Amino acid sequence: MADDKSERGASSSKPSDRQDGSRDPAREERNRQMANEFRQMSQAERLQDKRMNPAAKQVAAMDAVIDQKYGKATPEAARMKAAAREAVAQTLEKGGEIRAPRVREMEQRREETINQHRATADKTSKDLER
């Protein structure tokens, strides 16, 4: 009997995984509830909620990109924003992890890449002048 327990514990990769490959129903219910709460909350409420904060930041980042591409008050932007919120809610419902975007890191990397390209272009133009 002790061997059965140790085998089950060693073979399972996550506490929520079961021997037959099914998921924990309690965890699935929590995920569904969290996704429903996400859908019903306003963006300000999501930002204040510790559990929803990373997802709210992800939605804010997507909204900014959508506004930049489609404009703030266009029907296309409204459809894209609704789709972005639903995609985040579905990820939460499936139990996926959502991390807050790291905008500063991305901007810094972009600037470094631009500077590298400029340096390469300057070097190439100087080599061609010779």
C-alpha atoms as a PDB file:
ATOM      1  CA  MET A   1       0.000   0.000   0.000  1.00  0.00           C
ATOM      2  CA  ALA A   2       2.831   2.400   0.793  1.00  0.00           C
ATOM      3  CA  ASP A   3       4.382   1.509  -2.570  1.00  0.00           C
ATOM      4  CA  ASP A   4       1.177   2.480  -4.405  1.00  0.00           C
ATOM      5  CA  LYS A   5       1.169   5.932  -2.799  1.00  0.00           C
ATOM      6  CA  SER A   6       4.826   6.577  -3.555  1.00  0.00           C
ATOM      7  CA  GLU A   7       4.392   5.430  -7.171  1.00  0.00           C
ATOM      8  CA  ARG A   8       1.437   7.761  -7.665  1.00  0.00           C
ATOM      9  CA  GLY A   9       3.325  10.688  -6.154  1.00  0.00           C
ATOM     10  CA  ALA A  10       6.443  10.041  -8.225  1.00  0.00           C
ATOM     11  CA  SER A  11       4.648   9.593 -11.551  1.00  0.00           C
ATOM     12  CA  SER A  12       2.485  12.715 -11.340  1.00  0.00           C
ATOM     13  CA  SER A  13       4.166  15.814 -12.697  1.00  0.00           C
ATOM     14  CA  LYS A  14       1.812  18.301 -11.062  1.00  0.00           C
ATOM     15  CA  PRO A  15      -0.383  18.068  -7.988  1.00  0.00           C
ATOM     16  CA  SER A  16      -3.427  18.819 -10.160  1.00  0.00           C
ATOM     17  CA  ASP A  17      -2.703  15.958 -12.595  1.00  0.00           C
ATOM     18  CA  ARG A  18      -4.304  12.654 -11.871  1.00  0.00           C
ATOM     19  CA  GLN A  19      -3.124   9.158 -12.626  1.00  0.00           C
ATOM     20  CA  ASP A  20      -5.590   8.807 -15.523  1.00  0.00           C
ATOM     21  CA  GLY A  21      -4.505  12.129 -17.089  1.00  0.00           C
ATOM     22  CA  SER A  22      -7.577  14.086 -16.017  1.00  0.00           C
ATOM     23  CA  ARG A  23      -7.391  17.464 -14.331  1.00  0.00           C
ATOM     24  CA  ASP A  24      -8.494  18.433 -10.848  1.00  0.00           C
ATOM     25  CA  PRO A  25     -12.176  19.471 -11.069  1.00  0.00           C
ATOM     26  CA  ALA A  26     -11.822  21.942  -8.191  1.00  0.00           C
ATOM     27  CA  ARG A  27      -8.972  23.727  -9.967  1.00  0.00           C
ATOM     28  CA  GLU A  28     -10.935  23.800 -13.232  1.00  0.00           C
ATOM     29  CA  GLU A  29     -13.895  25.341 -11.406  1.00  0.00           C
ATOM     30  CA  ARG A  30     -11.645  28.002  -9.840  1.00  0.00           C
ATOM     31  CA  ASN A  31     -10.245  28.815 -13.277  1.00  0.00           C
ATOM     32  CA  ARG A  32     -13.749  29.132 -14.763  1.00  0.00           C
ATOM     33  CA  GLN A  33     -14.813  31.369 -11.873  1.00  0.00           C
ATOM     34  CA  MET A  34     -11.739  33.561 -12.264  1.00  0.00           C
ATOM     35  CA  ALA A  35     -12.373  33.917 -16.006  1.00  0.00           C
ATOM     36  CA  ASN A  36     -15.999  34.890 -15.360  1.00  0.00           C
ATOM     37  CA  GLU A  37     -14.909  37.473 -12.791  1.00  0.00           C
ATOM     38  CA  PHE A  38     -12.369  38.818 -15.284  1.00  0.00           C
ATOM     39  CA  ARG A  39     -15.091  39.225 -17.910  1.00  0.00           C
ATOM     40  CA  GLN A  40     -17.393  41.063 -15.486  1.00  0.00           C
ATOM     41  CA  MET A  41     -14.834  43.417 -13.908  1.00  0.00           C
ATOM     42  CA  SER A  42     -13.899  46.808 -15.259  1.00  0.00           C
ATOM     43  CA  GLN A  43     -10.294  47.461 -16.189  1.00  0.00           C
ATOM     44  CA  ALA A  44      -9.791  49.576 -13.048  1.00  0.00           C
ATOM     45  CA  GLU A  45     -11.130  46.753 -10.874  1.00  0.00           C
ATOM     46  CA  ARG A  46      -8.860  44.243 -12.602  1.00  0.00           C
ATOM     47  CA  LEU A  47      -5.835  46.433 -11.932  1.00  0.00           C
ATOM     48  CA  GLN A  48      -6.726  46.623  -8.223  1.00  0.00           C
ATOM     49  CA  ASP A  49      -7.263  42.855  -7.878  1.00  0.00           C
ATOM     50  CA  LYS A  50      -3.976  41.104  -7.089  1.00  0.00           C
ATOM     51  CA  ARG A  51      -4.959  37.943  -8.991  1.00  0.00           C
ATOM     52  CA  MET A  52      -6.085  39.839 -12.087  1.00  0.00           C
ATOM     53  CA  ASN A  53      -3.354  42.493 -12.185  1.00  0.00           C
ATOM     54  CA  PRO A  54      -1.017  40.776 -14.695  1.00  0.00           C
ATOM     55  CA  ALA A  55      -3.940  40.017 -17.004  1.00  0.00           C
ATOM     56  CA  ALA A  56      -5.164  43.621 -16.698  1.00  0.00           C
ATOM     57  CA  LYS A  57      -1.708  44.908 -17.618  1.00  0.00           C
ATOM     58  CA  GLN A  58      -1.640  42.573 -20.611  1.00  0.00           C
ATOM     59  CA  VAL A  59      -5.041  43.909 -21.736  1.00  0.00           C
ATOM     60  CA  ALA A  60      -3.820  47.502 -21.302  1.00  0.00           C
ATOM     61  CA  ALA A  61      -0.768  46.774 -23.446  1.00  0.00           C
ATOM     62  CA  MET A  62      -2.914  45.174 -26.146  1.00  0.00           C
ATOM     63  CA  ASP A  63      -5.346  48.103 -26.030  1.00  0.00           C
ATOM     64  CA  ALA A  64      -2.480  50.548 -26.555  1.00  0.00           C
ATOM     65  CA  VAL A  65      -1.248  48.648 -29.588  1.00  0.00           C
ATOM     66  CA  ILE A  66      -4.774  48.383 -30.996  1.00  0.00           C
ATOM     67  CA  ASP A  67      -5.367  52.122 -30.479  1.00  0.00           C
ATOM     68  CA  GLN A  68      -2.109  52.923 -32.219  1.00  0.00           C
ATOM     69  CA  LYS A  69      -2.886  50.716 -35.199  1.00  0.00           C
ATOM     70  CA  TYR A  70      -6.653  51.212 -35.657  1.00  0.00           C
ATOM     71  CA  GLY A  71      -7.345  54.515 -33.894  1.00  0.00           C
ATOM     72  CA  LYS A  72      -9.132  55.024 -30.596  1.00  0.00           C
ATOM     73  CA  ALA A  73     -12.770  55.286 -31.628  1.00  0.00           C
ATOM     74  CA  THR A  74     -13.111  53.000 -34.627  1.00  0.00           C
ATOM     75  CA  PRO A  75     -15.348  49.942 -34.937  1.00  0.00           C
ATOM     76  CA  GLU A  76     -12.297  47.834 -35.826  1.00  0.00           C
ATOM     77  CA  ALA A  77     -10.558  48.864 -32.608  1.00  0.00           C
ATOM     78  CA  ALA A  78     -13.638  48.025 -30.548  1.00  0.00           C
ATOM     79  CA  ARG A  79     -13.847  44.550 -32.102  1.00  0.00           C
ATOM     80  CA  MET A  80     -10.137  43.926 -31.610  1.00  0.00           C
ATOM     81  CA  LYS A  81     -10.264  45.051 -27.963  1.00  0.00           C
ATOM     82  CA  ALA A  82     -13.201  42.756 -27.249  1.00  0.00           C
ATOM     83  CA  ALA A  83     -11.340  39.876 -28.891  1.00  0.00           C
ATOM     84  CA  ALA A  84      -8.205  40.628 -26.855  1.00  0.00           C
ATOM     85  CA  ARG A  85     -10.145  40.608 -23.575  1.00  0.00           C
ATOM     86  CA  GLU A  86     -11.842  37.345 -24.506  1.00  0.00           C
ATOM     87  CA  ALA A  87      -8.499  35.754 -25.417  1.00  0.00           C
ATOM     88  CA  VAL A  88      -7.102  36.660 -21.999  1.00  0.00           C
ATOM     89  CA  ALA A  89     -10.266  35.362 -20.286  1.00  0.00           C
ATOM     90  CA  GLN A  90     -10.022  32.076 -22.193  1.00  0.00           C
ATOM     91  CA  THR A  91      -6.385  31.704 -21.185  1.00  0.00           C
ATOM     92  CA  LEU A  92      -7.373  32.202 -17.555  1.00  0.00           C
ATOM     93  CA  GLU A  93     -10.202  29.707 -17.976  1.00  0.00           C
ATOM     94  CA  LYS A  94      -7.785  27.077 -19.287  1.00  0.00           C
ATOM     95  CA  GLY A  95      -5.498  27.661 -16.307  1.00  0.00           C
ATOM     96  CA  GLY A  96      -2.793  29.362 -18.355  1.00  0.00           C
ATOM     97  CA  GLU A  97      -0.404  31.798 -16.753  1.00  0.00           C
ATOM     98  CA  ILE A  98      -0.520  35.410 -17.828  1.00  0.00           C
ATOM     99  CA  ARG A  99       2.458  37.594 -17.115  1.00  0.00           C
ATOM    100  CA  ALA A 100       2.513  41.346 -17.185  1.00  0.00           C
ATOM    101  CA  PRO A 101       4.341  42.703 -20.238  1.00  0.00           C
ATOM    102  CA  ARG A 102       7.761  44.181 -19.713  1.00  0.00           C
ATOM    103  CA  VAL A 103       7.586  47.253 -21.883  1.00  0.00           C
ATOM    104  CA  ARG A 104      10.780  48.887 -20.658  1.00  0.00           C
ATOM    105  CA  GLU A 105      12.855  45.817 -21.488  1.00  0.00           C
ATOM    106  CA  MET A 106      11.342  45.613 -24.951  1.00  0.00           C
ATOM    107  CA  GLU A 107      11.937  49.307 -25.629  1.00  0.00           C
ATOM    108  CA  GLN A 108      15.521  49.015 -24.412  1.00  0.00           C
ATOM    109  CA  ARG A 109      16.157  45.997 -26.647  1.00  0.00           C
ATOM    110  CA  ARG A 110      14.588  47.818 -29.591  1.00  0.00           C
ATOM    111  CA  GLU A 111      16.849  50.840 -29.021  1.00  0.00           C
ATOM    112  CA  GLU A 112      19.913  48.591 -28.760  1.00  0.00           C
ATOM    113  CA  THR A 113      18.992  46.869 -32.003  1.00  0.00           C
ATOM    114  CA  ILE A 114      18.442  50.191 -33.766  1.00  0.00           C
ATOM    115  CA  ASN A 115      21.806  51.446 -32.535  1.00  0.00           C
ATOM    116  CA  GLN A 116      23.519  48.261 -33.730  1.00  0.00           C
ATOM    117  CA  HIS A 117      21.926  48.624 -37.163  1.00  0.00           C
ATOM    118  CA  ARG A 118      22.977  52.270 -37.367  1.00  0.00           C
ATOM    119  CA  ALA A 119      26.557  51.382 -36.457  1.00  0.00           C
ATOM    120  CA  THR A 120      26.614  48.631 -39.068  1.00  0.00           C
ATOM    121  CA  ALA A 121      25.134  50.941 -41.694  1.00  0.00           C
ATOM    122  CA  ASP A 122      27.704  53.663 -40.899  1.00  0.00           C
ATOM    123  CA  LYS A 123      30.544  51.157 -41.161  1.00  0.00           C
ATOM    124  CA  THR A 124      29.221  49.834 -44.455  1.00  0.00           C
ATOM    125  CA  SER A 125      28.873  53.320 -45.919  1.00  0.00           C
ATOM    126  CA  LYS A 126      32.433  54.206 -44.846  1.00  0.00           C
ATOM    127  CA  ASP A 127      33.727  50.985 -46.385  1.00  0.00           C
ATOM    128  CA  LEU A 128      31.932  51.781 -49.639  1.00  0.00           C
ATOM    129  CA  GLU A 129      33.434  55.295 -49.724  1.00  0.00           C
ATOM    130  CA  ARG A 130      36.944  53.859 -49.761  1.00  0.00           C
END
